[in-house]
Amino acid sequence: MDAHDKQQRRLTAAALFEQDERSDTRIGDLLGVTARAVNHWRRARHQGGTEALTSKGRTGPKGYLDSEQRRRLRHLLRRGAKDYGFATDGWTLNRVRRVIAETFGAAYADPSRVWRLLKAMGWSVQVPVRRAVERDEEAIAAWVEQTWPRIEKRGPRPGPGSSSRTRPARD
C-alpha cells in the first residue's frame, strides 16, 4: 500500500467519524487497521481537522541518488576507503552509507538499500583474501609433504575388530 492509499484510508475514516455511529474498533475492522490507529486519527482530526489526516510528503532527506550523484559516488568509491579517511581500504555497506549521507545528504536507513544501489551501479561483493605477511609458502609445502603424513591418523586395520575395549576380536 503506497502513501496515497494510506491517505485515502485516513480520509475514509474521517468520513466515517462524521457519521458518528461506529466505534473505533468497527471502523478499524472496515479499514483493516487497529482500533488504536483509528483512535489516533480521530484525535488528530479533532485537533487539526481533516487537514491533519492528509499526507505531509516524505520525511527526511531524499533517499535516492540521481545519475550525476551516482557517477560522483562511483568516483569516490574507486579512490578507495583510505582516501576517504577510513583506516583500511575495504568498503563496507555502512561505510558507503556514511559517504552517501555526508556527500549527498541522502539517508539510507537500511544497508540492504545501499547494497541495491551498488548492485544497480554494477558493483559486486568482493571479499579480500587475508594472508599473514609472515606467511612462508615453502615452509607450508614442506610441512604438508613431510610432517603431515607422519602424524596423520590412519584408518582402521583390515580384518575383524571389536568395539569393546576389554574383549579383543576373535579370529
N, C-alpha and C. Protein backbone atom coordinates (compact mmCIF):
# COMPACT_ATOMS: atom_id res chain seq x y z
N MET A 1 0.85 -1.17 0.00
CA MET A 1 0.00 0.00 0.00
C MET A 1 0.90 1.24 0.00
N ASP A 2 0.70 2.12 -0.95
CA ASP A 2 1.54 3.31 -1.04
C ASP A 2 0.96 4.45 -0.19
N ALA A 3 1.67 5.57 -0.16
CA ALA A 3 1.28 6.71 0.69
C ALA A 3 -0.09 7.25 0.30
N HIS A 4 -0.39 7.26 -0.99
CA HIS A 4 -1.69 7.76 -1.45
C HIS A 4 -2.83 6.89 -0.90
N ASP A 5 -2.65 5.57 -0.97
CA ASP A 5 -3.68 4.65 -0.47
C ASP A 5 -3.88 4.82 1.04
N LYS A 6 -2.78 5.02 1.75
CA LYS A 6 -2.88 5.20 3.21
C LYS A 6 -3.63 6.49 3.54
N GLN A 7 -3.35 7.54 2.78
CA GLN A 7 -4.06 8.80 2.99
C GLN A 7 -5.55 8.63 2.71
N GLN A 8 -5.87 7.93 1.64
CA GLN A 8 -7.28 7.69 1.31
C GLN A 8 -7.97 6.92 2.43
N ARG A 9 -7.27 5.99 3.03
CA ARG A 9 -7.84 5.22 4.14
C ARG A 9 -8.14 6.14 5.33
N ARG A 10 -7.21 7.06 5.62
CA ARG A 10 -7.43 8.01 6.73
C ARG A 10 -8.61 8.94 6.44
N LEU A 11 -8.72 9.39 5.18
CA LEU A 11 -9.83 10.27 4.81
C LEU A 11 -11.17 9.53 4.84
N THR A 12 -11.16 8.26 4.50
CA THR A 12 -12.37 7.44 4.62
C THR A 12 -12.78 7.33 6.08
N ALA A 13 -11.79 7.16 6.95
CA ALA A 13 -12.07 7.12 8.38
C ALA A 13 -12.69 8.44 8.83
N ALA A 14 -12.18 9.56 8.32
CA ALA A 14 -12.73 10.88 8.69
C ALA A 14 -14.19 10.98 8.27
N ALA A 15 -14.54 10.46 7.09
CA ALA A 15 -15.93 10.48 6.64
C ALA A 15 -16.80 9.64 7.57
N LEU A 16 -16.25 8.53 8.03
CA LEU A 16 -16.99 7.67 8.96
C LEU A 16 -17.13 8.33 10.33
N PHE A 17 -16.15 9.15 10.72
CA PHE A 17 -16.23 9.86 12.01
C PHE A 17 -17.44 10.80 12.00
N GLU A 18 -17.69 11.42 10.84
CA GLU A 18 -18.79 12.38 10.73
C GLU A 18 -20.14 11.71 10.96
N GLN A 19 -20.25 10.44 10.59
CA GLN A 19 -21.49 9.71 10.81
C GLN A 19 -21.69 9.44 12.30
N ASP A 20 -20.56 9.32 13.04
CA ASP A 20 -20.55 9.15 14.49
C ASP A 20 -21.43 7.99 14.96
N GLU A 21 -21.54 6.96 14.13
CA GLU A 21 -22.35 5.81 14.51
C GLU A 21 -21.49 4.60 14.88
N ARG A 22 -20.26 4.57 14.37
CA ARG A 22 -19.43 3.37 14.54
C ARG A 22 -18.33 3.62 15.56
N SER A 23 -17.97 2.53 16.23
CA SER A 23 -16.87 2.61 17.20
C SER A 23 -15.54 2.55 16.46
N ASP A 24 -14.46 2.89 17.17
CA ASP A 24 -13.12 2.82 16.58
C ASP A 24 -12.81 1.39 16.15
N THR A 25 -13.24 0.42 16.94
CA THR A 25 -12.99 -0.98 16.60
C THR A 25 -13.70 -1.35 15.29
N ARG A 26 -14.94 -0.92 15.15
CA ARG A 26 -15.71 -1.24 13.94
C ARG A 26 -15.11 -0.56 12.70
N ILE A 27 -14.71 0.69 12.83
CA ILE A 27 -14.07 1.40 11.72
C ILE A 27 -12.74 0.73 11.37
N GLY A 28 -11.99 0.34 12.40
CA GLY A 28 -10.72 -0.36 12.18
C GLY A 28 -10.92 -1.65 11.42
N ASP A 29 -11.96 -2.40 11.79
CA ASP A 29 -12.26 -3.65 11.07
C ASP A 29 -12.61 -3.38 9.61
N LEU A 30 -13.38 -2.33 9.36
CA LEU A 30 -13.76 -1.99 7.98
C LEU A 30 -12.55 -1.59 7.13
N LEU A 31 -11.59 -0.90 7.75
CA LEU A 31 -10.44 -0.36 7.01
C LEU A 31 -9.19 -1.23 7.10
N GLY A 32 -9.26 -2.27 7.93
CA GLY A 32 -8.10 -3.17 8.04
C GLY A 32 -6.97 -2.61 8.89
N VAL A 33 -7.32 -1.83 9.92
CA VAL A 33 -6.32 -1.28 10.83
C VAL A 33 -6.78 -1.53 12.27
N THR A 34 -5.94 -1.20 13.22
CA THR A 34 -6.30 -1.40 14.62
C THR A 34 -7.20 -0.27 15.12
N ALA A 35 -7.90 -0.56 16.18
CA ALA A 35 -8.75 0.46 16.81
C ALA A 35 -7.89 1.59 17.34
N ARG A 36 -6.68 1.27 17.77
CA ARG A 36 -5.77 2.28 18.28
C ARG A 36 -5.39 3.29 17.19
N ALA A 37 -5.15 2.78 15.96
CA ALA A 37 -4.83 3.68 14.84
C ALA A 37 -6.02 4.59 14.54
N VAL A 38 -7.22 4.03 14.55
CA VAL A 38 -8.43 4.83 14.29
C VAL A 38 -8.58 5.89 15.37
N ASN A 39 -8.33 5.51 16.62
CA ASN A 39 -8.42 6.47 17.72
C ASN A 39 -7.42 7.61 17.54
N HIS A 40 -6.24 7.27 17.10
CA HIS A 40 -5.21 8.28 16.83
C HIS A 40 -5.67 9.24 15.73
N TRP A 41 -6.24 8.69 14.66
CA TRP A 41 -6.74 9.52 13.57
C TRP A 41 -7.89 10.41 14.05
N ARG A 42 -8.76 9.85 14.90
CA ARG A 42 -9.91 10.62 15.40
C ARG A 42 -9.42 11.83 16.21
N ARG A 43 -8.42 11.60 17.07
CA ARG A 43 -7.88 12.71 17.88
C ARG A 43 -7.20 13.75 16.99
N ALA A 44 -6.42 13.28 15.98
CA ALA A 44 -5.74 14.21 15.07
C ALA A 44 -6.76 15.07 14.33
N ARG A 45 -7.84 14.45 13.88
CA ARG A 45 -8.89 15.19 13.17
C ARG A 45 -9.58 16.17 14.11
N HIS A 46 -9.80 15.76 15.33
CA HIS A 46 -10.44 16.64 16.31
C HIS A 46 -9.58 17.89 16.57
N GLN A 47 -8.26 17.68 16.62
CA GLN A 47 -7.34 18.80 16.92
C GLN A 47 -7.02 19.64 15.70
N GLY A 48 -6.87 19.00 14.52
CA GLY A 48 -6.43 19.75 13.34
C GLY A 48 -7.33 19.66 12.15
N GLY A 49 -8.49 19.08 12.28
CA GLY A 49 -9.40 18.95 11.15
C GLY A 49 -8.96 17.87 10.18
N THR A 50 -9.66 17.76 9.07
CA THR A 50 -9.34 16.74 8.07
C THR A 50 -7.94 16.95 7.50
N GLU A 51 -7.48 18.19 7.50
CA GLU A 51 -6.12 18.51 7.02
C GLU A 51 -5.06 17.72 7.79
N ALA A 52 -5.32 17.43 9.05
CA ALA A 52 -4.36 16.70 9.88
C ALA A 52 -4.20 15.26 9.42
N LEU A 53 -5.12 14.77 8.62
CA LEU A 53 -5.05 13.38 8.14
C LEU A 53 -4.44 13.26 6.76
N THR A 54 -4.13 14.39 6.12
CA THR A 54 -3.52 14.34 4.79
C THR A 54 -2.02 14.13 4.91
N SER A 55 -1.45 13.57 3.88
CA SER A 55 -0.03 13.26 3.87
C SER A 55 0.80 14.54 3.83
N LYS A 56 1.87 14.55 4.59
CA LYS A 56 2.79 15.70 4.59
C LYS A 56 3.95 15.48 3.62
N GLY A 57 3.93 14.35 2.90
CA GLY A 57 5.02 14.03 1.99
C GLY A 57 6.10 13.25 2.70
N ARG A 58 7.13 12.90 1.96
CA ARG A 58 8.24 12.13 2.53
C ARG A 58 8.94 12.95 3.59
N THR A 59 9.31 12.28 4.66
CA THR A 59 10.08 12.96 5.70
C THR A 59 11.55 12.61 5.54
N GLY A 60 12.41 13.45 6.04
CA GLY A 60 13.85 13.20 5.98
C GLY A 60 14.41 13.53 4.61
N PRO A 61 15.72 13.38 4.50
CA PRO A 61 16.36 13.70 3.22
C PRO A 61 15.99 12.68 2.15
N LYS A 62 16.16 13.08 0.91
CA LYS A 62 15.85 12.21 -0.21
C LYS A 62 16.72 10.96 -0.13
N GLY A 63 16.12 9.81 -0.38
CA GLY A 63 16.83 8.55 -0.20
C GLY A 63 17.46 7.97 -1.44
N TYR A 64 17.29 8.58 -2.59
CA TYR A 64 17.82 8.00 -3.80
C TYR A 64 18.70 9.01 -4.53
N LEU A 65 19.71 8.50 -5.20
CA LEU A 65 20.66 9.35 -5.90
C LEU A 65 20.31 9.42 -7.38
N ASP A 66 20.47 10.59 -7.97
CA ASP A 66 20.25 10.71 -9.41
C ASP A 66 21.51 10.23 -10.14
N SER A 67 21.47 10.24 -11.46
CA SER A 67 22.58 9.67 -12.24
C SER A 67 23.89 10.43 -12.03
N GLU A 68 23.84 11.74 -11.88
CA GLU A 68 25.06 12.52 -11.64
C GLU A 68 25.64 12.18 -10.27
N GLN A 69 24.79 12.04 -9.27
CA GLN A 69 25.27 11.67 -7.94
C GLN A 69 25.85 10.26 -7.93
N ARG A 70 25.25 9.37 -8.69
CA ARG A 70 25.81 8.01 -8.78
C ARG A 70 27.18 8.03 -9.44
N ARG A 71 27.34 8.87 -10.45
CA ARG A 71 28.65 8.99 -11.11
C ARG A 71 29.69 9.49 -10.11
N ARG A 72 29.32 10.50 -9.32
CA ARG A 72 30.24 11.04 -8.31
C ARG A 72 30.54 10.00 -7.23
N LEU A 73 29.53 9.23 -6.83
CA LEU A 73 29.75 8.17 -5.84
C LEU A 73 30.71 7.12 -6.37
N ARG A 74 30.53 6.72 -7.64
CA ARG A 74 31.43 5.74 -8.25
C ARG A 74 32.87 6.25 -8.21
N HIS A 75 33.05 7.52 -8.50
CA HIS A 75 34.39 8.12 -8.47
C HIS A 75 34.97 8.07 -7.05
N LEU A 76 34.15 8.43 -6.05
CA LEU A 76 34.62 8.39 -4.66
C LEU A 76 35.00 6.98 -4.22
N LEU A 77 34.19 6.00 -4.59
CA LEU A 77 34.45 4.63 -4.18
C LEU A 77 35.70 4.06 -4.86
N ARG A 78 35.92 4.45 -6.11
CA ARG A 78 37.12 3.96 -6.82
C ARG A 78 38.40 4.51 -6.22
N ARG A 79 38.33 5.67 -5.60
CA ARG A 79 39.53 6.22 -4.96
C ARG A 79 39.93 5.43 -3.74
N GLY A 80 39.01 4.68 -3.15
CA GLY A 80 39.33 3.82 -2.01
C GLY A 80 38.88 4.42 -0.70
N ALA A 81 38.65 3.54 0.26
CA ALA A 81 38.15 3.95 1.56
C ALA A 81 39.20 4.73 2.35
N LYS A 82 40.49 4.38 2.18
CA LYS A 82 41.55 5.11 2.89
C LYS A 82 41.58 6.57 2.45
N ASP A 83 41.36 6.80 1.17
CA ASP A 83 41.35 8.16 0.65
C ASP A 83 40.22 8.98 1.25
N TYR A 84 39.15 8.30 1.65
CA TYR A 84 38.03 9.00 2.28
C TYR A 84 38.25 9.19 3.77
N GLY A 85 39.26 8.53 4.34
CA GLY A 85 39.57 8.73 5.75
C GLY A 85 39.39 7.50 6.64
N PHE A 86 39.06 6.35 6.04
CA PHE A 86 38.90 5.14 6.83
C PHE A 86 40.27 4.48 7.04
N ALA A 87 40.38 3.66 8.08
CA ALA A 87 41.65 3.03 8.44
C ALA A 87 42.10 2.00 7.41
N THR A 88 41.17 1.26 6.85
CA THR A 88 41.52 0.25 5.85
C THR A 88 40.88 0.63 4.52
N ASP A 89 41.28 -0.06 3.46
CA ASP A 89 40.82 0.31 2.13
C ASP A 89 39.57 -0.44 1.69
N GLY A 90 38.99 -1.28 2.53
CA GLY A 90 37.80 -2.02 2.14
C GLY A 90 36.53 -1.21 2.35
N TRP A 91 35.60 -1.34 1.40
CA TRP A 91 34.31 -0.67 1.51
C TRP A 91 33.31 -1.63 2.13
N THR A 92 32.62 -1.21 3.17
CA THR A 92 31.51 -1.95 3.73
C THR A 92 30.24 -1.17 3.41
N LEU A 93 29.10 -1.82 3.57
CA LEU A 93 27.83 -1.12 3.29
C LEU A 93 27.65 0.07 4.21
N ASN A 94 28.04 -0.08 5.48
CA ASN A 94 27.90 1.04 6.41
C ASN A 94 28.83 2.19 6.05
N ARG A 95 30.01 1.88 5.56
CA ARG A 95 30.92 2.94 5.13
C ARG A 95 30.35 3.68 3.93
N VAL A 96 29.85 2.93 2.97
CA VAL A 96 29.27 3.55 1.77
C VAL A 96 28.06 4.39 2.17
N ARG A 97 27.27 3.87 3.09
CA ARG A 97 26.09 4.61 3.57
C ARG A 97 26.52 5.93 4.19
N ARG A 98 27.61 5.90 4.95
CA ARG A 98 28.11 7.14 5.58
C ARG A 98 28.59 8.14 4.53
N VAL A 99 29.31 7.65 3.52
CA VAL A 99 29.78 8.53 2.45
C VAL A 99 28.60 9.18 1.72
N ILE A 100 27.56 8.38 1.45
CA ILE A 100 26.38 8.91 0.77
C ILE A 100 25.72 10.00 1.62
N ALA A 101 25.59 9.74 2.91
CA ALA A 101 24.95 10.71 3.80
C ALA A 101 25.76 12.00 3.88
N GLU A 102 27.08 11.88 4.03
CA GLU A 102 27.92 13.06 4.18
C GLU A 102 28.08 13.84 2.88
N THR A 103 28.15 13.14 1.77
CA THR A 103 28.40 13.80 0.49
C THR A 103 27.13 14.33 -0.16
N PHE A 104 26.06 13.54 -0.11
CA PHE A 104 24.86 13.89 -0.86
C PHE A 104 23.67 14.23 0.04
N GLY A 105 23.77 13.99 1.33
CA GLY A 105 22.67 14.27 2.24
C GLY A 105 21.51 13.31 2.11
N ALA A 106 21.74 12.17 1.49
CA ALA A 106 20.70 11.15 1.33
C ALA A 106 20.88 10.10 2.40
N ALA A 107 19.83 9.84 3.16
CA ALA A 107 19.92 8.89 4.27
C ALA A 107 19.34 7.55 3.88
N TYR A 108 20.17 6.54 3.87
CA TYR A 108 19.73 5.17 3.67
C TYR A 108 19.66 4.53 5.04
N ALA A 109 18.44 4.24 5.52
CA ALA A 109 18.26 3.71 6.86
C ALA A 109 18.72 2.26 6.96
N ASP A 110 18.70 1.55 5.86
CA ASP A 110 18.99 0.13 5.87
C ASP A 110 20.15 -0.17 4.92
N PRO A 111 21.18 -0.87 5.39
CA PRO A 111 22.31 -1.20 4.49
C PRO A 111 21.89 -2.00 3.26
N SER A 112 20.79 -2.75 3.35
CA SER A 112 20.37 -3.51 2.17
C SER A 112 19.98 -2.57 1.02
N ARG A 113 19.50 -1.38 1.34
CA ARG A 113 19.20 -0.39 0.30
C ARG A 113 20.48 0.09 -0.38
N VAL A 114 21.54 0.22 0.43
CA VAL A 114 22.84 0.62 -0.13
C VAL A 114 23.32 -0.48 -1.08
N TRP A 115 23.14 -1.73 -0.65
CA TRP A 115 23.56 -2.85 -1.49
C TRP A 115 22.80 -2.83 -2.81
N ARG A 116 21.50 -2.55 -2.78
CA ARG A 116 20.71 -2.49 -4.02
C ARG A 116 21.21 -1.38 -4.93
N LEU A 117 21.57 -0.25 -4.34
CA LEU A 117 22.11 0.86 -5.12
C LEU A 117 23.42 0.45 -5.78
N LEU A 118 24.33 -0.15 -5.00
CA LEU A 118 25.62 -0.56 -5.55
C LEU A 118 25.46 -1.62 -6.64
N LYS A 119 24.55 -2.55 -6.42
CA LYS A 119 24.29 -3.59 -7.41
C LYS A 119 23.77 -2.97 -8.70
N ALA A 120 22.88 -1.98 -8.58
CA ALA A 120 22.36 -1.29 -9.76
C ALA A 120 23.45 -0.52 -10.48
N MET A 121 24.49 -0.12 -9.74
CA MET A 121 25.61 0.60 -10.34
C MET A 121 26.65 -0.35 -10.93
N GLY A 122 26.42 -1.67 -10.81
CA GLY A 122 27.34 -2.65 -11.40
C GLY A 122 28.41 -3.15 -10.44
N TRP A 123 28.31 -2.84 -9.17
CA TRP A 123 29.29 -3.30 -8.20
C TRP A 123 28.91 -4.69 -7.72
N SER A 124 29.90 -5.45 -7.25
CA SER A 124 29.64 -6.79 -6.72
C SER A 124 30.41 -6.98 -5.42
N VAL A 125 30.07 -8.04 -4.72
CA VAL A 125 30.73 -8.33 -3.45
C VAL A 125 32.16 -8.75 -3.72
N GLN A 126 33.07 -8.17 -3.00
CA GLN A 126 34.48 -8.52 -3.12
C GLN A 126 35.01 -8.80 -1.72
N VAL A 127 35.43 -10.02 -1.46
CA VAL A 127 35.97 -10.37 -0.15
C VAL A 127 37.48 -10.48 -0.29
N PRO A 128 38.22 -9.67 0.46
CA PRO A 128 39.67 -9.71 0.33
C PRO A 128 40.24 -11.02 0.87
N VAL A 129 41.29 -11.52 0.22
CA VAL A 129 41.99 -12.70 0.71
C VAL A 129 42.93 -12.22 1.79
N ARG A 130 42.77 -12.79 2.96
CA ARG A 130 43.62 -12.35 4.08
C ARG A 130 44.74 -13.36 4.29
N ARG A 131 45.93 -12.90 4.18
CA ARG A 131 47.10 -13.74 4.38
C ARG A 131 48.07 -12.98 5.27
N ALA A 132 48.69 -13.71 6.17
CA ALA A 132 49.68 -13.09 7.05
C ALA A 132 50.89 -12.65 6.23
N VAL A 133 51.44 -11.53 6.59
CA VAL A 133 52.63 -11.02 5.90
C VAL A 133 53.79 -11.99 6.09
N GLU A 134 53.84 -12.65 7.25
CA GLU A 134 54.94 -13.56 7.59
C GLU A 134 54.78 -14.93 6.94
N ARG A 135 53.72 -15.18 6.21
CA ARG A 135 53.43 -16.49 5.64
C ARG A 135 54.56 -16.96 4.74
N ASP A 136 55.02 -18.19 4.97
CA ASP A 136 56.13 -18.78 4.21
C ASP A 136 55.58 -19.97 3.42
N GLU A 137 55.32 -19.77 2.15
CA GLU A 137 54.70 -20.80 1.31
C GLU A 137 55.57 -22.05 1.22
N GLU A 138 56.89 -21.89 1.14
CA GLU A 138 57.79 -23.05 1.04
C GLU A 138 57.75 -23.90 2.30
N ALA A 139 57.72 -23.25 3.48
CA ALA A 139 57.67 -23.99 4.74
C ALA A 139 56.35 -24.74 4.87
N ILE A 140 55.27 -24.14 4.39
CA ILE A 140 53.96 -24.80 4.45
C ILE A 140 53.96 -26.03 3.55
N ALA A 141 54.48 -25.90 2.34
CA ALA A 141 54.53 -27.03 1.41
C ALA A 141 55.37 -28.17 1.97
N ALA A 142 56.51 -27.83 2.58
CA ALA A 142 57.37 -28.86 3.18
C ALA A 142 56.66 -29.57 4.33
N TRP A 143 55.94 -28.84 5.14
CA TRP A 143 55.22 -29.44 6.27
C TRP A 143 54.15 -30.40 5.77
N VAL A 144 53.41 -29.99 4.72
CA VAL A 144 52.34 -30.83 4.17
C VAL A 144 52.93 -32.12 3.59
N GLU A 145 54.07 -32.04 2.95
CA GLU A 145 54.68 -33.21 2.31
C GLU A 145 55.40 -34.13 3.29
N GLN A 146 56.06 -33.58 4.31
CA GLN A 146 56.90 -34.40 5.18
C GLN A 146 56.27 -34.68 6.55
N THR A 147 55.80 -33.66 7.24
CA THR A 147 55.31 -33.83 8.60
C THR A 147 53.90 -34.40 8.65
N TRP A 148 53.02 -33.90 7.85
CA TRP A 148 51.62 -34.34 7.89
C TRP A 148 51.46 -35.85 7.67
N PRO A 149 52.16 -36.46 6.71
CA PRO A 149 51.98 -37.91 6.52
C PRO A 149 52.39 -38.72 7.77
N ARG A 150 53.36 -38.22 8.54
CA ARG A 150 53.78 -38.94 9.75
C ARG A 150 52.75 -38.86 10.86
N ILE A 151 52.06 -37.75 10.97
CA ILE A 151 51.13 -37.58 12.10
C ILE A 151 49.67 -37.83 11.73
N GLU A 152 49.41 -38.02 10.44
CA GLU A 152 48.03 -38.24 10.00
C GLU A 152 47.50 -39.53 10.61
N LYS A 153 46.29 -39.47 11.14
CA LYS A 153 45.67 -40.62 11.76
C LYS A 153 45.31 -41.63 10.67
N ARG A 154 45.71 -42.84 10.89
CA ARG A 154 45.41 -43.90 9.93
C ARG A 154 44.03 -44.47 10.21
N GLY A 155 43.39 -45.01 9.21
CA GLY A 155 42.08 -45.62 9.36
C GLY A 155 42.18 -46.96 10.08
N PRO A 156 41.05 -47.65 10.26
CA PRO A 156 41.06 -48.95 10.95
C PRO A 156 41.84 -49.99 10.16
N ARG A 157 42.43 -50.93 10.89
CA ARG A 157 43.20 -52.00 10.24
C ARG A 157 42.23 -52.99 9.61
N PRO A 158 42.64 -53.61 8.54
CA PRO A 158 41.75 -54.58 7.89
C PRO A 158 41.51 -55.80 8.78
N GLY A 159 40.36 -56.43 8.62
CA GLY A 159 40.04 -57.64 9.37
C GLY A 159 38.99 -57.37 10.42
N PRO A 160 38.59 -58.41 11.15
CA PRO A 160 37.55 -58.24 12.16
C PRO A 160 38.05 -57.39 13.31
N GLY A 161 37.15 -56.68 13.91
CA GLY A 161 37.51 -55.83 15.02
C GLY A 161 36.44 -55.91 16.10
N SER A 162 36.70 -55.26 17.21
CA SER A 162 35.75 -55.24 18.31
C SER A 162 35.61 -53.81 18.81
N SER A 163 34.38 -53.47 19.18
CA SER A 163 34.17 -52.14 19.73
C SER A 163 34.40 -52.13 21.23
N SER A 164 34.59 -53.31 21.82
CA SER A 164 34.82 -53.40 23.26
C SER A 164 36.29 -53.23 23.57
N ARG A 165 36.59 -52.48 24.61
CA ARG A 165 37.99 -52.27 24.99
C ARG A 165 38.53 -53.48 25.78
N THR A 166 37.62 -54.21 26.41
CA THR A 166 38.06 -55.32 27.28
C THR A 166 38.08 -56.66 26.56
N ARG A 167 37.40 -56.77 25.45
CA ARG A 167 37.34 -58.03 24.72
C ARG A 167 37.97 -57.88 23.36
N PRO A 168 39.04 -58.54 23.11
CA PRO A 168 39.65 -58.47 21.79
C PRO A 168 38.79 -59.20 20.75
N ALA A 169 38.98 -58.88 19.51
CA ALA A 169 38.22 -59.53 18.43
C ALA A 169 38.65 -60.98 18.32
N ARG A 170 37.72 -61.87 18.00
CA ARG A 170 38.02 -63.29 17.82
C ARG A 170 38.35 -63.56 16.36
N ASP A 171 39.31 -64.38 16.16
CA ASP A 171 39.70 -64.76 14.80
C ASP A 171 38.99 -65.98 14.34
